[in-house]
Amino acid sequence: MWKLKLAGALAVVVVALTVVLQNTQAVEVRFLFGKAALPAAALLGIALLLGFALGILFSLLLPARRRTR
């Protein structure tokens, strides 16, 4: 089972890296307090890392539900 999870995680990483590395053009991002121009790859990378970190944080903070039969 762990090999299947590892293969799935590797596939997600490969797809994410492919998307990030293919988007190198600069984009303008507007925040509440200003705007910035940065590569789309950086923006996608930041979003992926934030999503990963929030997923780990919520999985650790929220109690796991046990399946009862």
PDB file of N, CA and C in Angstrom:
ATOM      1  N   MET A   1       0.819  -1.197   0.000  1.00  0.00           N
ATOM      2  CA  MET A   1       0.000   0.000   0.000  1.00  0.00           C
ATOM      3  C   MET A   1       0.864   1.263   0.000  1.00  0.00           C
ATOM      4  N   TRP A   2       1.985   1.206   0.718  1.00  0.00           N
ATOM      5  CA  TRP A   2       2.833   2.395   0.793  1.00  0.00           C
ATOM      6  C   TRP A   2       3.473   2.691  -0.546  1.00  0.00           C
ATOM      7  N   LYS A   3       3.688   1.667  -1.375  1.00  0.00           N
ATOM      8  CA  LYS A   3       4.247   1.899  -2.705  1.00  0.00           C
ATOM      9  C   LYS A   3       3.256   2.648  -3.588  1.00  0.00           C
ATOM     10  N   LEU A   4       1.981   2.336  -3.433  1.00  0.00           N
ATOM     11  CA  LEU A   4       0.941   3.036  -4.191  1.00  0.00           C
ATOM     12  C   LEU A   4       0.853   4.497  -3.770  1.00  0.00           C
ATOM     13  N   LYS A   5       0.938   4.757  -2.472  1.00  0.00           N
ATOM     14  CA  LYS A   5       0.916   6.133  -1.981  1.00  0.00           C
ATOM     15  C   LYS A   5       2.142   6.910  -2.457  1.00  0.00           C
ATOM     16  N   LEU A   6       3.292   6.252  -2.444  1.00  0.00           N
ATOM     17  CA  LEU A   6       4.515   6.886  -2.914  1.00  0.00           C
ATOM     18  C   LEU A   6       4.434   7.205  -4.403  1.00  0.00           C
ATOM     19  N   ALA A   7       3.902   6.292  -5.191  1.00  0.00           N
ATOM     20  CA  ALA A   7       3.746   6.527  -6.628  1.00  0.00           C
ATOM     21  C   ALA A   7       2.765   7.669  -6.885  1.00  0.00           C
ATOM     22  N   GLY A   8       1.687   7.733  -6.120  1.00  0.00           N
ATOM     23  CA  GLY A   8       0.718   8.824  -6.260  1.00  0.00           C
ATOM     24  C   GLY A   8       1.325  10.165  -5.895  1.00  0.00           C
ATOM     25  N   ALA A   9       2.074  10.199  -4.808  1.00  0.00           N
ATOM     26  CA  ALA A   9       2.720  11.441  -4.388  1.00  0.00           C
ATOM     27  C   ALA A   9       3.755  11.883  -5.409  1.00  0.00           C
ATOM     28  N   LEU A  10       4.496  10.948  -5.960  1.00  0.00           N
ATOM     29  CA  LEU A  10       5.487  11.268  -6.980  1.00  0.00           C
ATOM     30  C   LEU A  10       4.827  11.807  -8.243  1.00  0.00           C
ATOM     31  N   ALA A  11       3.701  11.226  -8.623  1.00  0.00           N
ATOM     32  CA  ALA A  11       2.970  11.711  -9.792  1.00  0.00           C
ATOM     33  C   ALA A  11       2.471  13.139  -9.573  1.00  0.00           C
ATOM     34  N   VAL A  12       1.975  13.436  -8.386  1.00  0.00           N
ATOM     35  CA  VAL A  12       1.509  14.790  -8.073  1.00  0.00           C
ATOM     36  C   VAL A  12       2.665  15.776  -8.129  1.00  0.00           C
ATOM     37  N   VAL A  13       3.815  15.399  -7.601  1.00  0.00           N
ATOM     38  CA  VAL A  13       4.984  16.272  -7.613  1.00  0.00           C
ATOM     39  C   VAL A  13       5.442  16.534  -9.044  1.00  0.00           C
ATOM     40  N   VAL A  14       5.467  15.505  -9.873  1.00  0.00           N
ATOM     41  CA  VAL A  14       5.895  15.668 -11.264  1.00  0.00           C
ATOM     42  C   VAL A  14       4.946  16.587 -12.020  1.00  0.00           C
ATOM     43  N   VAL A  15       3.647  16.399 -11.846  1.00  0.00           N
ATOM     44  CA  VAL A  15       2.673  17.260 -12.529  1.00  0.00           C
ATOM     45  C   VAL A  15       2.786  18.699 -12.025  1.00  0.00           C
ATOM     46  N   ALA A  16       2.929  18.877 -10.721  1.00  0.00           N
ATOM     47  CA  ALA A  16       3.044  20.225 -10.158  1.00  0.00           C
ATOM     48  C   ALA A  16       4.298  20.925 -10.668  1.00  0.00           C
ATOM     49  N   LEU A  17       5.421  20.220 -10.691  1.00  0.00           N
ATOM     50  CA  LEU A  17       6.655  20.819 -11.194  1.00  0.00           C
ATOM     51  C   LEU A  17       6.559  21.158 -12.676  1.00  0.00           C
ATOM     52  N   THR A  18       5.898  20.307 -13.442  1.00  0.00           N
ATOM     53  CA  THR A  18       5.716  20.579 -14.870  1.00  0.00           C
ATOM     54  C   THR A  18       4.904  21.849 -15.080  1.00  0.00           C
ATOM     55  N   VAL A  19       3.827  21.994 -14.349  1.00  0.00           N
ATOM     56  CA  VAL A  19       2.986  23.191 -14.480  1.00  0.00           C
ATOM     57  C   VAL A  19       3.753  24.434 -14.052  1.00  0.00           C
ATOM     58  N   VAL A  20       4.462  24.344 -12.952  1.00  0.00           N
ATOM     59  CA  VAL A  20       5.203  25.503 -12.445  1.00  0.00           C
ATOM     60  C   VAL A  20       6.300  25.911 -13.418  1.00  0.00           C
ATOM     61  N   LEU A  21       7.061  24.956 -13.917  1.00  0.00           N
ATOM     62  CA  LEU A  21       8.193  25.285 -14.774  1.00  0.00           C
ATOM     63  C   LEU A  21       7.787  25.753 -16.171  1.00  0.00           C
ATOM     64  N   GLN A  22       6.579  25.440 -16.605  1.00  0.00           N
ATOM     65  CA  GLN A  22       6.125  25.888 -17.918  1.00  0.00           C
ATOM     66  C   GLN A  22       5.520  27.284 -17.884  1.00  0.00           C
ATOM     67  N   ASN A  23       5.322  27.845 -16.725  1.00  0.00           N
ATOM     68  CA  ASN A  23       4.717  29.166 -16.590  1.00  0.00           C
ATOM     69  C   ASN A  23       5.752  30.154 -16.073  1.00  0.00           C
ATOM     70  N   THR A  24       6.623  30.602 -16.971  1.00  0.00           N
ATOM     71  CA  THR A  24       7.713  31.477 -16.550  1.00  0.00           C
ATOM     72  C   THR A  24       7.470  32.947 -16.865  1.00  0.00           C
ATOM     73  N   GLN A  25       6.401  33.265 -17.562  1.00  0.00           N
ATOM     74  CA  GLN A  25       6.146  34.668 -17.901  1.00  0.00           C
ATOM     75  C   GLN A  25       5.768  35.466 -16.649  1.00  0.00           C
ATOM     76  N   ALA A  26       6.051  36.745 -16.700  1.00  0.00           N
ATOM     77  CA  ALA A  26       5.761  37.616 -15.547  1.00  0.00           C
ATOM     78  C   ALA A  26       4.276  37.966 -15.522  1.00  0.00           C
ATOM     79  N   VAL A  27       3.722  37.985 -14.346  1.00  0.00           N
ATOM     80  CA  VAL A  27       2.326  38.372 -14.153  1.00  0.00           C
ATOM     81  C   VAL A  27       2.269  39.444 -13.068  1.00  0.00           C
ATOM     82  N   GLU A  28       1.242  40.260 -13.131  1.00  0.00           N
ATOM     83  CA  GLU A  28       1.045  41.297 -12.121  1.00  0.00           C
ATOM     84  C   GLU A  28      -0.002  40.828 -11.127  1.00  0.00           C
ATOM     85  N   VAL A  29       0.342  40.906  -9.862  1.00  0.00           N
ATOM     86  CA  VAL A  29      -0.549  40.475  -8.791  1.00  0.00           C
ATOM     87  C   VAL A  29      -0.888  41.684  -7.948  1.00  0.00           C
ATOM     88  N   ARG A  30      -2.181  41.894  -7.710  1.00  0.00           N
ATOM     89  CA  ARG A  30      -2.621  43.012  -6.866  1.00  0.00           C
ATOM     90  C   ARG A  30      -3.026  42.490  -5.500  1.00  0.00           C
ATOM     91  N   PHE A  31      -2.421  43.059  -4.487  1.00  0.00           N
ATOM     92  CA  PHE A  31      -2.752  42.749  -3.102  1.00  0.00           C
ATOM     93  C   PHE A  31      -3.606  43.882  -2.549  1.00  0.00           C
ATOM     94  N   LEU A  32      -4.034  43.738  -1.312  1.00  0.00           N
ATOM     95  CA  LEU A  32      -4.809  44.806  -0.684  1.00  0.00           C
ATOM     96  C   LEU A  32      -3.978  46.072  -0.518  1.00  0.00           C
ATOM     97  N   PHE A  33      -2.695  45.916  -0.325  1.00  0.00           N
ATOM     98  CA  PHE A  33      -1.845  47.052  -0.020  1.00  0.00           C
ATOM     99  C   PHE A  33      -0.944  47.462  -1.179  1.00  0.00           C
ATOM    100  N   GLY A  34      -1.059  46.841  -2.332  1.00  0.00           N
ATOM    101  CA  GLY A  34      -0.218  47.218  -3.468  1.00  0.00           C
ATOM    102  C   GLY A  34      -0.247  46.163  -4.544  1.00  0.00           C
ATOM    103  N   LYS A  35       0.724  46.257  -5.455  1.00  0.00           N
ATOM    104  CA  LYS A  35       0.811  45.261  -6.506  1.00  0.00           C
ATOM    105  C   LYS A  35       2.267  44.917  -6.762  1.00  0.00           C
ATOM    106  N   ALA A  36       2.470  43.741  -7.337  1.00  0.00           N
ATOM    107  CA  ALA A  36       3.822  43.267  -7.612  1.00  0.00           C
ATOM    108  C   ALA A  36       3.806  42.467  -8.908  1.00  0.00           C
ATOM    109  N   ALA A  37       4.918  42.525  -9.627  1.00  0.00           N
ATOM    110  CA  ALA A  37       5.098  41.716 -10.824  1.00  0.00           C
ATOM    111  C   ALA A  37       6.115  40.623 -10.509  1.00  0.00           C
ATOM    112  N   LEU A  38       5.719  39.377 -10.708  1.00  0.00           N
ATOM    113  CA  LEU A  38       6.597  38.263 -10.450  1.00  0.00           C
ATOM    114  C   LEU A  38       6.291  37.149 -11.436  1.00  0.00           C
ATOM    115  N   PRO A  39       7.214  36.222 -11.625  1.00  0.00           N
ATOM    116  CA  PRO A  39       6.963  35.118 -12.552  1.00  0.00           C
ATOM    117  C   PRO A  39       5.790  34.257 -12.076  1.00  0.00           C
ATOM    118  N   ALA A  40       5.025  33.766 -13.037  1.00  0.00           N
ATOM    119  CA  ALA A  40       3.892  32.909 -12.691  1.00  0.00           C
ATOM    120  C   ALA A  40       4.371  31.650 -11.977  1.00  0.00           C
ATOM    121  N   ALA A  41       5.568  31.181 -12.304  1.00  0.00           N
ATOM    122  CA  ALA A  41       6.117  29.996 -11.641  1.00  0.00           C
ATOM    123  C   ALA A  41       6.287  30.245 -10.143  1.00  0.00           C
ATOM    124  N   ALA A  42       6.758  31.417  -9.779  1.00  0.00           N
ATOM    125  CA  ALA A  42       6.922  31.742  -8.361  1.00  0.00           C
ATOM    126  C   ALA A  42       5.571  31.798  -7.659  1.00  0.00           C
ATOM    127  N   LEU A  43       4.595  32.394  -8.320  1.00  0.00           N
ATOM    128  CA  LEU A  43       3.259  32.498  -7.739  1.00  0.00           C
ATOM    129  C   LEU A  43       2.634  31.114  -7.553  1.00  0.00           C
ATOM    130  N   LEU A  44       2.774  30.260  -8.561  1.00  0.00           N
ATOM    131  CA  LEU A  44       2.247  28.897  -8.446  1.00  0.00           C
ATOM    132  C   LEU A  44       2.987  28.105  -7.369  1.00  0.00           C
ATOM    133  N   GLY A  45       4.295  28.275  -7.293  1.00  0.00           N
ATOM    134  CA  GLY A  45       5.073  27.582  -6.267  1.00  0.00           C
ATOM    135  C   GLY A  45       4.670  27.997  -4.868  1.00  0.00           C
ATOM    136  N   ILE A  46       4.460  29.295  -4.685  1.00  0.00           N
ATOM    137  CA  ILE A  46       4.018  29.794  -3.378  1.00  0.00           C
ATOM    138  C   ILE A  46       2.650  29.229  -3.021  1.00  0.00           C
ATOM    139  N   ALA A  47       1.739  29.205  -3.994  1.00  0.00           N
ATOM    140  CA  ALA A  47       0.399  28.669  -3.745  1.00  0.00           C
ATOM    141  C   ALA A  47       0.451  27.175  -3.410  1.00  0.00           C
ATOM    142  N   LEU A  48       1.301  26.425  -4.123  1.00  0.00           N
ATOM    143  CA  LEU A  48       1.433  24.996  -3.826  1.00  0.00           C
ATOM    144  C   LEU A  48       2.001  24.762  -2.431  1.00  0.00           C
ATOM    145  N   LEU A  49       3.024  25.521  -2.070  1.00  0.00           N
ATOM    146  CA  LEU A  49       3.619  25.351  -0.744  1.00  0.00           C
ATOM    147  C   LEU A  49       2.652  25.746   0.367  1.00  0.00           C
ATOM    148  N   LEU A  50       1.909  26.833   0.168  1.00  0.00           N
ATOM    149  CA  LEU A  50       0.910  27.233   1.170  1.00  0.00           C
ATOM    150  C   LEU A  50      -0.188  26.185   1.312  1.00  0.00           C
ATOM    151  N   GLY A  51      -0.646  25.657   0.193  1.00  0.00           N
ATOM    152  CA  GLY A  51      -1.669  24.610   0.242  1.00  0.00           C
ATOM    153  C   GLY A  51      -1.176  23.361   0.940  1.00  0.00           C
ATOM    154  N   PHE A  52       0.055  22.964   0.652  1.00  0.00           N
ATOM    155  CA  PHE A  52       0.644  21.799   1.312  1.00  0.00           C
ATOM    156  C   PHE A  52       0.775  22.041   2.813  1.00  0.00           C
ATOM    157  N   ALA A  53       1.287  23.203   3.186  1.00  0.00           N
ATOM    158  CA  ALA A  53       1.477  23.517   4.605  1.00  0.00           C
ATOM    159  C   ALA A  53       0.141  23.567   5.345  1.00  0.00           C
ATOM    160  N   LEU A  54      -0.873  24.176   4.727  1.00  0.00           N
ATOM    161  CA  LEU A  54      -2.192  24.229   5.374  1.00  0.00           C
ATOM    162  C   LEU A  54      -2.811  22.838   5.500  1.00  0.00           C
ATOM    163  N   GLY A  55      -2.624  21.998   4.498  1.00  0.00           N
ATOM    164  CA  GLY A  55      -3.131  20.628   4.574  1.00  0.00           C
ATOM    165  C   GLY A  55      -2.504  19.851   5.708  1.00  0.00           C
ATOM    166  N   ILE A  56      -1.196  19.976   5.857  1.00  0.00           N
ATOM    167  CA  ILE A  56      -0.502  19.301   6.966  1.00  0.00           C
ATOM    168  C   ILE A  56      -0.969  19.860   8.303  1.00  0.00           C
ATOM    169  N   LEU A  57      -1.075  21.192   8.395  1.00  0.00           N
ATOM    170  CA  LEU A  57      -1.495  21.825   9.643  1.00  0.00           C
ATOM    171  C   LEU A  57      -2.893  21.376  10.056  1.00  0.00           C
ATOM    172  N   PHE A  58      -3.838  21.394   9.118  1.00  0.00           N
ATOM    173  CA  PHE A  58      -5.205  20.986   9.455  1.00  0.00           C
ATOM    174  C   PHE A  58      -5.290  19.500   9.787  1.00  0.00           C
ATOM    175  N   SER A  59      -4.499  18.673   9.113  1.00  0.00           N
ATOM    176  CA  SER A  59      -4.546  17.248   9.427  1.00  0.00           C
ATOM    177  C   SER A  59      -3.984  16.973  10.824  1.00  0.00           C
ATOM    178  N   LEU A  60      -3.071  17.806  11.282  1.00  0.00           N
ATOM    179  CA  LEU A  60      -2.526  17.618  12.627  1.00  0.00           C
ATOM    180  C   LEU A  60      -3.423  18.209  13.703  1.00  0.00           C
ATOM    181  N   LEU A  61      -4.129  19.295  13.387  1.00  0.00           N
ATOM    182  CA  LEU A  61      -4.943  19.973  14.398  1.00  0.00           C
ATOM    183  C   LEU A  61      -6.331  19.368  14.569  1.00  0.00           C
ATOM    184  N   LEU A  62      -6.922  18.911  13.476  1.00  0.00           N
ATOM    185  CA  LEU A  62      -8.266  18.357  13.558  1.00  0.00           C
ATOM    186  C   LEU A  62      -8.189  16.893  13.956  1.00  0.00           C
ATOM    187  N   PRO A  63      -9.068  16.476  14.855  1.00  0.00           N
ATOM    188  CA  PRO A  63      -9.011  15.062  15.283  1.00  0.00           C
ATOM    189  C   PRO A  63      -9.409  14.145  14.133  1.00  0.00           C
ATOM    190  N   ALA A  64      -8.735  13.015  14.047  1.00  0.00           N
ATOM    191  CA  ALA A  64      -9.036  12.038  13.005  1.00  0.00           C
ATOM    192  C   ALA A  64     -10.303  11.287  13.388  1.00  0.00           C
ATOM    193  N   ARG A  65     -11.156  11.072  12.409  1.00  0.00           N
ATOM    194  CA  ARG A  65     -12.380  10.303  12.651  1.00  0.00           C
ATOM    195  C   ARG A  65     -12.072   8.832  12.408  1.00  0.00           C
ATOM    196  N   ARG A  66     -12.451   8.024  13.345  1.00  0.00           N
ATOM    197  CA  ARG A  66     -12.252   6.578  13.220  1.00  0.00           C
ATOM    198  C   ARG A  66     -13.496   5.969  12.594  1.00  0.00           C
ATOM    199  N   ARG A  67     -13.275   5.045  11.692  1.00  0.00           N
ATOM    200  CA  ARG A  67     -14.406   4.354  11.093  1.00  0.00           C
ATOM    201  C   ARG A  67     -14.900   3.278  12.049  1.00  0.00           C
ATOM    202  N   THR A  68     -16.188   3.267  12.280  1.00  0.00           N
ATOM    203  CA  THR A  68     -16.776   2.235  13.142  1.00  0.00           C
ATOM    204  C   THR A  68     -17.678   1.357  12.290  1.00  0.00           C
ATOM    205  N   ARG A  69     -17.638   0.087  12.552  1.00  0.00           N
ATOM    206  CA  ARG A  69     -18.469  -0.863  11.788  1.00  0.00           C
ATOM    207  C   ARG A  69     -19.418  -1.577  12.684  1.00  0.00           C
TER     208      ARG A  69
END
